[in-house]
Every structure is written in C-alpha cells, then in structure tokens.
Amino acid sequence: MTIVNQMLAFNEQFVEEKQYEQFISDKFPDKKVVILTCMDARLTELLPHALGLKNGDAKIIKNAGAVLSHPFGSVMRSILVALYALGAEEVIVIGHHDCGMSTIDPANMIAEMEGRGINPQVLKTLEASGVDLKQWLRGFTSVEENVGHSVGLIKNHPLLPPGTNVHGLVIDPGTGKLDRVDC
C-alpha cells in the first residue's frame, strides 16, 4: 500500500468517527496573525505549541527556509491576502536553527536533478532564458540575517498596510525556544 493510500484509509476513519470536530474553526485567524515559517517537518506541531496556538488562531505560510525571495511572489501575495481579506493584523517571520537551507549547495542540487532524470538541455535552456538556477537555489549562512531580510522586505513593501507590525523570531527545533531577531 502506498503512503497516500494509507493516508486516505486513515482519513476515511477520521471522517467517519468525526474526529475533525475538535478542529472546527473558520477562515479568519482568531489571533489576527499571519506567520511565515519554514517547511521543516520538526516544526509541524512544535511551532504552534511553542507559540500557544490552536487550530484557527493563525494563518501559517510555509516554504523552504522562511525565505521571502520575491516581493511580488506567491508568499508575499499570501501575506497580503491574510492582511486585507482574512483579518490578520500582524506578521511574524520565524526561521529556525539547523535549517536545511543553510546547507544547500546549488551545484549539488543541480547535479541531483540531472541524476534523477532532468535533461541537461532543460537546464541549459533555463540558463539561456536568463534563469540563474544557482542563485535561485542558494540558501543562506545566517538564520538571523535571513529572517531580518524577509522582515525587511515585508516592512518595506509598498502594499503593506501602514502601521502593520512585522516581527522576526528564530526557533530552536529541538526545544521550541524562541528568540527575537533585531530587524
């Protein structure tokens, strides 16, 4: 049985037994906050618990490294939707120690792409089209600097509602301890 089949079998029982009732909420975040954080699996349950959040309290956007790489990309659009259409009033960017994005080697990742079947001609076409894959895939060396960079992009965004508080935090994925990042 594949993993997705196992998940669907579990889901059938979950719905049948009405286990979802404890999670019922609406689309508006009760704590009026939108959080940009990393997709690291260690944070899935730890982060909400470390912040005292329950289902429905916050809009949580996850991507690799909590990196806001483009001021008009999908992550920033999601933040603005949360602020303008879904009742969020504050933004928190939360990075974490021991992040996989801090060890990403773009050259190795490109080699892995080729090794898993991506045609080298596709990579050459992207490069000829102006896509710098090594730049696009690069990570960061300091989680604090990365969080500060993302906070800065959000704070200085021309469409951010004036007066919106934007905060930066770093979490320890082992203990859940949070530290402020001076942005």
N, C-alpha and C. Protein backbone atom coordinates (compact mmCIF):
# COMPACT_ATOMS: atom_id res chain seq x y z
N MET A 1 0.86 -1.18 0.00
CA MET A 1 0.00 0.00 0.00
C MET A 1 0.91 1.25 0.00
N THR A 2 0.60 2.21 -0.87
CA THR A 2 1.39 3.44 -0.92
C THR A 2 1.05 4.33 0.27
N ILE A 3 1.91 5.28 0.50
CA ILE A 3 1.68 6.21 1.62
C ILE A 3 0.36 6.96 1.44
N VAL A 4 0.08 7.42 0.22
CA VAL A 4 -1.17 8.16 0.03
C VAL A 4 -2.38 7.25 0.26
N ASN A 5 -2.30 5.98 -0.10
CA ASN A 5 -3.41 5.06 0.17
C ASN A 5 -3.59 4.86 1.67
N GLN A 6 -2.48 4.76 2.41
CA GLN A 6 -2.56 4.66 3.87
C GLN A 6 -3.22 5.90 4.45
N MET A 7 -2.84 7.07 3.93
CA MET A 7 -3.42 8.33 4.42
C MET A 7 -4.92 8.40 4.13
N LEU A 8 -5.31 7.98 2.93
CA LEU A 8 -6.73 8.01 2.57
C LEU A 8 -7.54 7.02 3.40
N ALA A 9 -6.98 5.88 3.72
CA ALA A 9 -7.67 4.90 4.57
C ALA A 9 -7.86 5.49 5.98
N PHE A 10 -6.79 6.12 6.49
CA PHE A 10 -6.90 6.78 7.79
C PHE A 10 -7.97 7.86 7.75
N ASN A 11 -7.95 8.66 6.67
CA ASN A 11 -8.89 9.77 6.54
C ASN A 11 -10.35 9.30 6.54
N GLU A 12 -10.59 8.20 5.90
CA GLU A 12 -11.95 7.67 5.87
C GLU A 12 -12.46 7.41 7.29
N GLN A 13 -11.61 6.80 8.11
CA GLN A 13 -11.98 6.53 9.50
C GLN A 13 -12.08 7.83 10.29
N PHE A 14 -11.14 8.78 10.06
CA PHE A 14 -11.14 10.08 10.73
C PHE A 14 -12.47 10.80 10.53
N VAL A 15 -12.95 10.82 9.29
CA VAL A 15 -14.21 11.50 8.99
C VAL A 15 -15.38 10.71 9.55
N GLU A 16 -15.36 9.41 9.38
CA GLU A 16 -16.46 8.56 9.87
C GLU A 16 -16.65 8.72 11.38
N GLU A 17 -15.55 8.83 12.12
CA GLU A 17 -15.61 8.96 13.57
C GLU A 17 -15.74 10.42 14.03
N LYS A 18 -15.84 11.33 13.09
CA LYS A 18 -16.00 12.77 13.36
C LYS A 18 -14.88 13.33 14.23
N GLN A 19 -13.66 12.83 14.01
CA GLN A 19 -12.51 13.33 14.76
C GLN A 19 -12.17 14.77 14.40
N TYR A 20 -12.69 15.24 13.30
CA TYR A 20 -12.46 16.61 12.83
C TYR A 20 -13.13 17.66 13.72
N GLU A 21 -14.11 17.28 14.51
CA GLU A 21 -14.90 18.25 15.27
C GLU A 21 -14.04 19.11 16.19
N GLN A 22 -12.95 18.56 16.74
CA GLN A 22 -12.10 19.33 17.64
C GLN A 22 -11.33 20.43 16.90
N PHE A 23 -11.30 20.37 15.57
CA PHE A 23 -10.54 21.34 14.78
C PHE A 23 -11.42 22.36 14.08
N ILE A 24 -12.71 22.33 14.30
CA ILE A 24 -13.62 23.22 13.59
C ILE A 24 -13.29 24.68 13.94
N SER A 25 -13.17 25.46 12.90
CA SER A 25 -12.86 26.88 13.01
C SER A 25 -13.38 27.54 11.74
N ASP A 26 -13.15 28.83 11.58
CA ASP A 26 -13.48 29.46 10.31
C ASP A 26 -12.19 29.94 9.65
N LYS A 27 -12.31 30.65 8.56
CA LYS A 27 -11.12 31.03 7.79
C LYS A 27 -10.40 32.26 8.33
N PHE A 28 -10.95 32.91 9.32
CA PHE A 28 -10.35 34.13 9.87
C PHE A 28 -9.51 33.77 11.10
N PRO A 29 -8.25 34.16 11.15
CA PRO A 29 -7.39 33.78 12.27
C PRO A 29 -7.80 34.49 13.57
N ASP A 30 -8.10 33.70 14.58
CA ASP A 30 -8.56 34.25 15.86
C ASP A 30 -7.55 35.21 16.49
N LYS A 31 -6.26 34.93 16.35
CA LYS A 31 -5.23 35.80 16.94
C LYS A 31 -4.82 36.92 15.98
N LYS A 32 -5.43 36.97 14.81
CA LYS A 32 -5.20 38.04 13.83
C LYS A 32 -3.74 38.17 13.42
N VAL A 33 -3.10 37.01 13.21
CA VAL A 33 -1.69 36.99 12.86
C VAL A 33 -1.45 36.08 11.66
N VAL A 34 -0.50 36.48 10.82
CA VAL A 34 -0.03 35.64 9.73
C VAL A 34 1.45 35.35 9.99
N ILE A 35 1.82 34.08 9.87
CA ILE A 35 3.18 33.63 10.17
C ILE A 35 3.81 33.05 8.90
N LEU A 36 5.00 33.53 8.58
CA LEU A 36 5.82 32.91 7.53
C LEU A 36 6.89 32.11 8.23
N THR A 37 6.92 30.81 7.97
CA THR A 37 7.91 29.96 8.60
C THR A 37 8.42 28.91 7.62
N CYS A 38 9.34 28.10 8.09
CA CYS A 38 9.96 27.08 7.27
C CYS A 38 9.07 25.83 7.19
N MET A 39 9.27 25.07 6.12
CA MET A 39 8.51 23.83 5.94
C MET A 39 9.11 22.66 6.69
N ASP A 40 10.15 22.88 7.48
CA ASP A 40 10.82 21.81 8.22
C ASP A 40 9.80 20.97 8.99
N ALA A 41 9.89 19.66 8.81
CA ALA A 41 8.94 18.74 9.44
C ALA A 41 8.96 18.81 10.97
N ARG A 42 10.09 19.22 11.55
CA ARG A 42 10.16 19.30 13.02
C ARG A 42 9.26 20.40 13.57
N LEU A 43 8.87 21.34 12.72
CA LEU A 43 8.07 22.48 13.19
C LEU A 43 6.56 22.26 13.05
N THR A 44 6.16 21.20 12.39
CA THR A 44 4.74 20.98 12.11
C THR A 44 3.87 21.10 13.36
N GLU A 45 4.22 20.42 14.41
CA GLU A 45 3.45 20.51 15.65
C GLU A 45 4.16 21.37 16.69
N LEU A 46 5.50 21.37 16.67
CA LEU A 46 6.26 22.11 17.67
C LEU A 46 5.97 23.61 17.63
N LEU A 47 6.01 24.20 16.44
CA LEU A 47 5.85 25.66 16.35
C LEU A 47 4.52 26.15 16.91
N PRO A 48 3.38 25.60 16.49
CA PRO A 48 2.13 26.08 17.09
C PRO A 48 2.09 25.89 18.61
N HIS A 49 2.60 24.77 19.10
CA HIS A 49 2.60 24.54 20.55
C HIS A 49 3.52 25.53 21.25
N ALA A 50 4.69 25.81 20.66
CA ALA A 50 5.64 26.75 21.28
C ALA A 50 5.08 28.17 21.32
N LEU A 51 4.16 28.47 20.41
CA LEU A 51 3.54 29.80 20.37
C LEU A 51 2.19 29.85 21.11
N GLY A 52 1.73 28.71 21.59
CA GLY A 52 0.43 28.67 22.27
C GLY A 52 -0.72 28.81 21.29
N LEU A 53 -0.56 28.32 20.07
CA LEU A 53 -1.60 28.44 19.06
C LEU A 53 -2.41 27.16 18.95
N LYS A 54 -3.68 27.32 18.71
CA LYS A 54 -4.54 26.18 18.42
C LYS A 54 -5.07 26.35 16.99
N ASN A 55 -5.70 25.32 16.48
CA ASN A 55 -6.25 25.38 15.14
C ASN A 55 -7.16 26.60 14.99
N GLY A 56 -6.94 27.37 13.95
CA GLY A 56 -7.76 28.55 13.70
C GLY A 56 -7.19 29.84 14.25
N ASP A 57 -6.09 29.80 14.99
CA ASP A 57 -5.53 31.01 15.59
C ASP A 57 -4.72 31.86 14.61
N ALA A 58 -4.08 31.23 13.62
CA ALA A 58 -3.15 31.97 12.76
C ALA A 58 -3.17 31.43 11.35
N LYS A 59 -2.82 32.29 10.42
CA LYS A 59 -2.54 31.87 9.04
C LYS A 59 -1.06 31.52 9.03
N ILE A 60 -0.72 30.31 8.62
CA ILE A 60 0.68 29.88 8.62
C ILE A 60 1.08 29.54 7.19
N ILE A 61 2.08 30.27 6.69
CA ILE A 61 2.62 30.08 5.35
C ILE A 61 3.97 29.42 5.52
N LYS A 62 4.18 28.31 4.82
CA LYS A 62 5.44 27.58 4.95
C LYS A 62 6.14 27.50 3.61
N ASN A 63 7.44 27.74 3.65
CA ASN A 63 8.28 27.48 2.49
C ASN A 63 9.70 27.22 2.97
N ALA A 64 10.55 26.77 2.09
CA ALA A 64 11.91 26.40 2.46
C ALA A 64 12.66 27.59 3.05
N GLY A 65 13.04 27.47 4.31
CA GLY A 65 13.85 28.48 4.97
C GLY A 65 13.11 29.73 5.43
N ALA A 66 11.80 29.78 5.27
CA ALA A 66 11.03 31.00 5.55
C ALA A 66 11.62 32.17 4.77
N VAL A 67 12.05 31.87 3.55
CA VAL A 67 12.70 32.87 2.69
C VAL A 67 11.64 33.60 1.87
N LEU A 68 11.63 34.90 1.98
CA LEU A 68 10.80 35.73 1.11
C LEU A 68 11.74 36.20 0.00
N SER A 69 11.69 35.50 -1.12
CA SER A 69 12.68 35.75 -2.17
C SER A 69 12.24 36.76 -3.21
N HIS A 70 10.96 37.04 -3.28
CA HIS A 70 10.48 37.98 -4.29
C HIS A 70 9.34 38.81 -3.69
N PRO A 71 9.46 40.14 -3.75
CA PRO A 71 8.44 40.98 -3.12
C PRO A 71 7.06 40.88 -3.79
N PHE A 72 7.00 40.35 -5.00
CA PHE A 72 5.71 40.18 -5.66
C PHE A 72 5.47 38.72 -6.04
N GLY A 73 6.02 37.80 -5.23
CA GLY A 73 5.81 36.37 -5.44
C GLY A 73 4.63 35.87 -4.62
N SER A 74 4.41 34.57 -4.67
CA SER A 74 3.24 33.98 -4.03
C SER A 74 3.25 34.08 -2.51
N VAL A 75 4.43 34.09 -1.89
CA VAL A 75 4.47 34.20 -0.43
C VAL A 75 3.98 35.58 0.01
N MET A 76 4.49 36.63 -0.64
CA MET A 76 4.04 37.98 -0.27
C MET A 76 2.57 38.17 -0.60
N ARG A 77 2.12 37.60 -1.71
CA ARG A 77 0.69 37.67 -2.04
C ARG A 77 -0.13 37.03 -0.92
N SER A 78 0.31 35.88 -0.41
CA SER A 78 -0.41 35.22 0.67
C SER A 78 -0.45 36.07 1.93
N ILE A 79 0.65 36.73 2.24
CA ILE A 79 0.69 37.63 3.40
C ILE A 79 -0.32 38.76 3.22
N LEU A 80 -0.33 39.36 2.04
CA LEU A 80 -1.26 40.47 1.78
C LEU A 80 -2.71 40.01 1.80
N VAL A 81 -2.99 38.82 1.27
CA VAL A 81 -4.36 38.28 1.34
C VAL A 81 -4.77 38.09 2.80
N ALA A 82 -3.87 37.56 3.62
CA ALA A 82 -4.18 37.37 5.04
C ALA A 82 -4.48 38.71 5.71
N LEU A 83 -3.73 39.75 5.35
CA LEU A 83 -3.90 41.07 5.97
C LEU A 83 -5.14 41.80 5.46
N TYR A 84 -5.41 41.73 4.18
CA TYR A 84 -6.51 42.51 3.60
C TYR A 84 -7.84 41.78 3.54
N ALA A 85 -7.81 40.46 3.40
CA ALA A 85 -9.06 39.74 3.17
C ALA A 85 -9.44 38.77 4.29
N LEU A 86 -8.48 38.43 5.16
CA LEU A 86 -8.77 37.37 6.14
C LEU A 86 -8.61 37.81 7.59
N GLY A 87 -8.44 39.10 7.83
CA GLY A 87 -8.47 39.60 9.20
C GLY A 87 -7.17 39.60 9.97
N ALA A 88 -6.06 39.21 9.35
CA ALA A 88 -4.78 39.27 10.08
C ALA A 88 -4.37 40.73 10.21
N GLU A 89 -3.67 41.04 11.30
CA GLU A 89 -3.24 42.42 11.56
C GLU A 89 -1.74 42.52 11.80
N GLU A 90 -1.07 41.40 12.09
CA GLU A 90 0.38 41.39 12.34
C GLU A 90 1.01 40.27 11.53
N VAL A 91 2.31 40.44 11.28
CA VAL A 91 3.08 39.44 10.53
C VAL A 91 4.26 39.00 11.39
N ILE A 92 4.52 37.70 11.42
CA ILE A 92 5.69 37.17 12.12
C ILE A 92 6.45 36.27 11.15
N VAL A 93 7.74 36.50 11.01
CA VAL A 93 8.61 35.63 10.23
C VAL A 93 9.40 34.80 11.24
N ILE A 94 9.32 33.47 11.10
CA ILE A 94 10.00 32.59 12.05
C ILE A 94 10.92 31.63 11.30
N GLY A 95 12.22 31.85 11.48
CA GLY A 95 13.21 30.91 10.97
C GLY A 95 13.58 29.94 12.07
N HIS A 96 14.51 29.03 11.77
CA HIS A 96 14.92 28.09 12.81
C HIS A 96 16.39 27.71 12.65
N HIS A 97 16.98 27.34 13.78
CA HIS A 97 18.35 26.85 13.77
C HIS A 97 18.39 25.50 13.05
N ASP A 98 19.57 25.15 12.53
CA ASP A 98 19.77 23.87 11.86
C ASP A 98 18.86 23.71 10.65
N CYS A 99 18.65 24.81 9.91
CA CYS A 99 17.78 24.81 8.74
C CYS A 99 18.51 24.20 7.55
N GLY A 100 17.83 23.36 6.82
CA GLY A 100 18.40 22.74 5.63
C GLY A 100 18.81 23.76 4.58
N MET A 101 18.15 24.90 4.53
CA MET A 101 18.50 25.93 3.55
C MET A 101 19.86 26.56 3.85
N SER A 102 20.35 26.38 5.06
CA SER A 102 21.67 26.94 5.39
C SER A 102 22.79 26.05 4.87
N THR A 103 22.46 24.86 4.40
CA THR A 103 23.48 23.95 3.89
C THR A 103 23.28 23.60 2.42
N ILE A 104 22.33 24.25 1.78
CA ILE A 104 22.05 23.95 0.37
C ILE A 104 23.25 24.33 -0.49
N ASP A 105 23.65 23.40 -1.34
CA ASP A 105 24.70 23.64 -2.33
C ASP A 105 24.01 23.56 -3.69
N PRO A 106 23.79 24.71 -4.33
CA PRO A 106 23.07 24.70 -5.61
C PRO A 106 23.69 23.78 -6.67
N ALA A 107 25.02 23.73 -6.74
CA ALA A 107 25.66 22.88 -7.74
C ALA A 107 25.32 21.40 -7.48
N ASN A 108 25.34 20.99 -6.23
CA ASN A 108 24.97 19.61 -5.90
C ASN A 108 23.50 19.33 -6.20
N MET A 109 22.65 20.31 -5.95
CA MET A 109 21.23 20.11 -6.22
C MET A 109 20.99 19.97 -7.72
N ILE A 110 21.67 20.78 -8.51
CA ILE A 110 21.53 20.68 -9.96
C ILE A 110 22.04 19.32 -10.45
N ALA A 111 23.15 18.86 -9.89
CA ALA A 111 23.66 17.53 -10.24
C ALA A 111 22.65 16.45 -9.85
N GLU A 112 22.00 16.62 -8.71
CA GLU A 112 20.98 15.66 -8.26
C GLU A 112 19.78 15.67 -9.22
N MET A 113 19.43 16.87 -9.73
CA MET A 113 18.34 16.97 -10.70
C MET A 113 18.67 16.15 -11.94
N GLU A 114 19.89 16.33 -12.43
CA GLU A 114 20.32 15.56 -13.61
C GLU A 114 20.33 14.07 -13.30
N GLY A 115 20.81 13.71 -12.12
CA GLY A 115 20.86 12.32 -11.72
C GLY A 115 19.49 11.67 -11.60
N ARG A 116 18.48 12.50 -11.36
CA ARG A 116 17.12 11.96 -11.22
C ARG A 116 16.28 12.15 -12.48
N GLY A 117 16.98 12.49 -13.59
CA GLY A 117 16.29 12.46 -14.87
C GLY A 117 16.00 13.78 -15.55
N ILE A 118 16.39 14.89 -14.96
CA ILE A 118 16.18 16.17 -15.65
C ILE A 118 17.22 16.28 -16.76
N ASN A 119 16.72 16.50 -17.96
CA ASN A 119 17.58 16.58 -19.13
C ASN A 119 18.50 17.79 -19.00
N PRO A 120 19.81 17.62 -19.16
CA PRO A 120 20.74 18.75 -19.09
C PRO A 120 20.39 19.87 -20.06
N GLN A 121 19.72 19.52 -21.16
CA GLN A 121 19.32 20.56 -22.12
C GLN A 121 18.28 21.49 -21.51
N VAL A 122 17.43 20.97 -20.65
CA VAL A 122 16.44 21.80 -19.96
C VAL A 122 17.17 22.84 -19.10
N LEU A 123 18.21 22.41 -18.41
CA LEU A 123 18.98 23.32 -17.56
C LEU A 123 19.66 24.39 -18.42
N LYS A 124 20.19 23.98 -19.57
CA LYS A 124 20.84 24.95 -20.49
C LYS A 124 19.82 25.94 -21.04
N THR A 125 18.62 25.46 -21.35
CA THR A 125 17.56 26.34 -21.86
C THR A 125 17.16 27.37 -20.80
N LEU A 126 17.04 26.92 -19.58
CA LEU A 126 16.70 27.85 -18.49
C LEU A 126 17.79 28.92 -18.35
N GLU A 127 19.04 28.48 -18.38
CA GLU A 127 20.16 29.42 -18.26
C GLU A 127 20.15 30.42 -19.42
N ALA A 128 19.91 29.93 -20.63
CA ALA A 128 19.87 30.81 -21.81
C ALA A 128 18.69 31.78 -21.75
N SER A 129 17.66 31.41 -20.98
CA SER A 129 16.49 32.28 -20.82
C SER A 129 16.66 33.29 -19.70
N GLY A 130 17.82 33.27 -19.06
CA GLY A 130 18.09 34.24 -18.01
C GLY A 130 17.82 33.75 -16.60
N VAL A 131 17.49 32.48 -16.45
CA VAL A 131 17.25 31.91 -15.12
C VAL A 131 18.60 31.46 -14.55
N ASP A 132 18.99 32.07 -13.45
CA ASP A 132 20.23 31.69 -12.77
C ASP A 132 19.86 30.68 -11.68
N LEU A 133 19.88 29.39 -12.04
CA LEU A 133 19.47 28.36 -11.09
C LEU A 133 20.31 28.36 -9.83
N LYS A 134 21.60 28.60 -9.96
CA LYS A 134 22.46 28.60 -8.76
C LYS A 134 22.05 29.70 -7.80
N GLN A 135 21.67 30.85 -8.33
CA GLN A 135 21.20 31.94 -7.47
C GLN A 135 19.83 31.61 -6.88
N TRP A 136 18.96 31.07 -7.72
CA TRP A 136 17.60 30.74 -7.31
C TRP A 136 17.57 29.67 -6.22
N LEU A 137 18.49 28.73 -6.29
CA LEU A 137 18.52 27.62 -5.34
C LEU A 137 19.36 27.88 -4.10
N ARG A 138 20.09 28.98 -4.07
CA ARG A 138 21.01 29.20 -2.95
C ARG A 138 20.26 29.38 -1.64
N GLY A 139 20.93 29.02 -0.58
CA GLY A 139 20.35 29.17 0.75
C GLY A 139 20.91 30.39 1.44
N PHE A 140 21.23 30.24 2.71
CA PHE A 140 21.77 31.34 3.50
C PHE A 140 22.72 30.79 4.54
N THR A 141 23.55 31.68 5.10
CA THR A 141 24.50 31.22 6.11
C THR A 141 24.06 31.58 7.53
N SER A 142 23.25 32.61 7.67
CA SER A 142 22.80 33.05 8.99
C SER A 142 21.28 33.10 9.03
N VAL A 143 20.68 32.29 9.90
CA VAL A 143 19.23 32.29 10.02
C VAL A 143 18.73 33.66 10.48
N GLU A 144 19.48 34.31 11.36
CA GLU A 144 19.05 35.63 11.84
C GLU A 144 19.05 36.65 10.69
N GLU A 145 20.10 36.62 9.87
CA GLU A 145 20.15 37.54 8.73
C GLU A 145 19.04 37.24 7.73
N ASN A 146 18.77 35.96 7.52
CA ASN A 146 17.70 35.58 6.61
C ASN A 146 16.35 36.08 7.11
N VAL A 147 16.07 35.88 8.39
CA VAL A 147 14.81 36.37 8.96
C VAL A 147 14.75 37.89 8.83
N GLY A 148 15.87 38.57 9.14
CA GLY A 148 15.91 40.03 9.02
C GLY A 148 15.65 40.50 7.60
N HIS A 149 16.18 39.77 6.63
CA HIS A 149 15.97 40.11 5.22
C HIS A 149 14.48 39.99 4.86
N SER A 150 13.85 38.87 5.26
CA SER A 150 12.44 38.67 4.96
C SER A 150 11.58 39.73 5.66
N VAL A 151 11.90 40.02 6.91
CA VAL A 151 11.16 41.06 7.65
C VAL A 151 11.30 42.40 6.94
N GLY A 152 12.51 42.72 6.50
CA GLY A 152 12.74 43.98 5.80
C GLY A 152 11.94 44.10 4.52
N LEU A 153 11.89 43.02 3.74
CA LEU A 153 11.09 43.04 2.51
C LEU A 153 9.62 43.28 2.81
N ILE A 154 9.13 42.66 3.86
CA ILE A 154 7.71 42.83 4.21
C ILE A 154 7.47 44.25 4.72
N LYS A 155 8.29 44.71 5.66
CA LYS A 155 8.10 46.05 6.24
C LYS A 155 8.13 47.15 5.18
N ASN A 156 8.96 46.97 4.16
CA ASN A 156 9.13 48.00 3.14
C ASN A 156 8.29 47.77 1.89
N HIS A 157 7.39 46.81 1.96
CA HIS A 157 6.55 46.52 0.80
C HIS A 157 5.56 47.67 0.57
N PRO A 158 5.44 48.13 -0.66
CA PRO A 158 4.55 49.27 -0.92
C PRO A 158 3.08 48.99 -0.68
N LEU A 159 2.68 47.72 -0.60
CA LEU A 159 1.27 47.39 -0.38
C LEU A 159 0.97 46.95 1.05
N LEU A 160 1.97 46.98 1.93
CA LEU A 160 1.73 46.62 3.33
C LEU A 160 0.88 47.72 3.97
N PRO A 161 -0.19 47.33 4.66
CA PRO A 161 -0.99 48.36 5.32
C PRO A 161 -0.14 49.18 6.29
N PRO A 162 -0.21 50.50 6.22
CA PRO A 162 0.58 51.33 7.13
C PRO A 162 0.32 50.96 8.59
N GLY A 163 1.39 50.93 9.36
CA GLY A 163 1.28 50.64 10.79
C GLY A 163 1.26 49.16 11.13
N THR A 164 1.39 48.28 10.14
CA THR A 164 1.38 46.85 10.40
C THR A 164 2.66 46.44 11.12
N ASN A 165 2.53 45.77 12.25
CA ASN A 165 3.69 45.25 12.96
C ASN A 165 4.21 44.01 12.26
N VAL A 166 5.54 43.98 12.05
CA VAL A 166 6.20 42.83 11.43
C VAL A 166 7.33 42.43 12.37
N HIS A 167 7.33 41.18 12.79
CA HIS A 167 8.30 40.69 13.77
C HIS A 167 9.15 39.57 13.19
N GLY A 168 10.35 39.41 13.73
CA GLY A 168 11.23 38.32 13.34
C GLY A 168 11.60 37.49 14.56
N LEU A 169 11.50 36.17 14.43
CA LEU A 169 11.85 35.24 15.51
C LEU A 169 12.65 34.08 14.93
N VAL A 170 13.41 33.43 15.79
CA VAL A 170 14.10 32.20 15.44
C VAL A 170 13.75 31.17 16.51
N ILE A 171 13.39 29.96 16.06
CA ILE A 171 13.01 28.90 16.99
C ILE A 171 14.08 27.81 16.98
N ASP A 172 14.29 27.22 18.14
CA ASP A 172 15.16 26.06 18.25
C ASP A 172 14.27 24.85 17.96
N PRO A 173 14.56 24.07 16.88
CA PRO A 173 13.68 22.96 16.52
C PRO A 173 13.76 21.77 17.48
N GLY A 174 14.64 21.84 18.43
CA GLY A 174 14.73 20.78 19.43
C GLY A 174 13.91 21.08 20.67
N THR A 175 13.97 22.35 21.12
CA THR A 175 13.32 22.71 22.38
C THR A 175 12.09 23.60 22.20
N GLY A 176 11.98 24.27 21.06
CA GLY A 176 10.88 25.22 20.86
C GLY A 176 11.17 26.60 21.38
N LYS A 177 12.37 26.83 21.95
CA LYS A 177 12.71 28.15 22.47
C LYS A 177 12.75 29.16 21.33
N LEU A 178 12.10 30.29 21.57
CA LEU A 178 12.03 31.38 20.58
C LEU A 178 12.90 32.55 21.01
N ASP A 179 13.59 33.13 20.05
CA ASP A 179 14.37 34.34 20.28
C ASP A 179 13.98 35.39 19.26
N ARG A 180 13.91 36.63 19.72
CA ARG A 180 13.63 37.75 18.80
C ARG A 180 14.83 38.00 17.92
N VAL A 181 14.56 38.44 16.71
CA VAL A 181 15.60 38.88 15.80
C VAL A 181 15.46 40.39 15.68
N ASP A 182 16.55 41.09 15.96
CA ASP A 182 16.54 42.55 15.84
C ASP A 182 16.54 42.90 14.36
N CYS A 183 15.44 43.42 13.88
CA CYS A 183 15.32 43.72 12.45
C CYS A 183 15.30 45.22 12.24
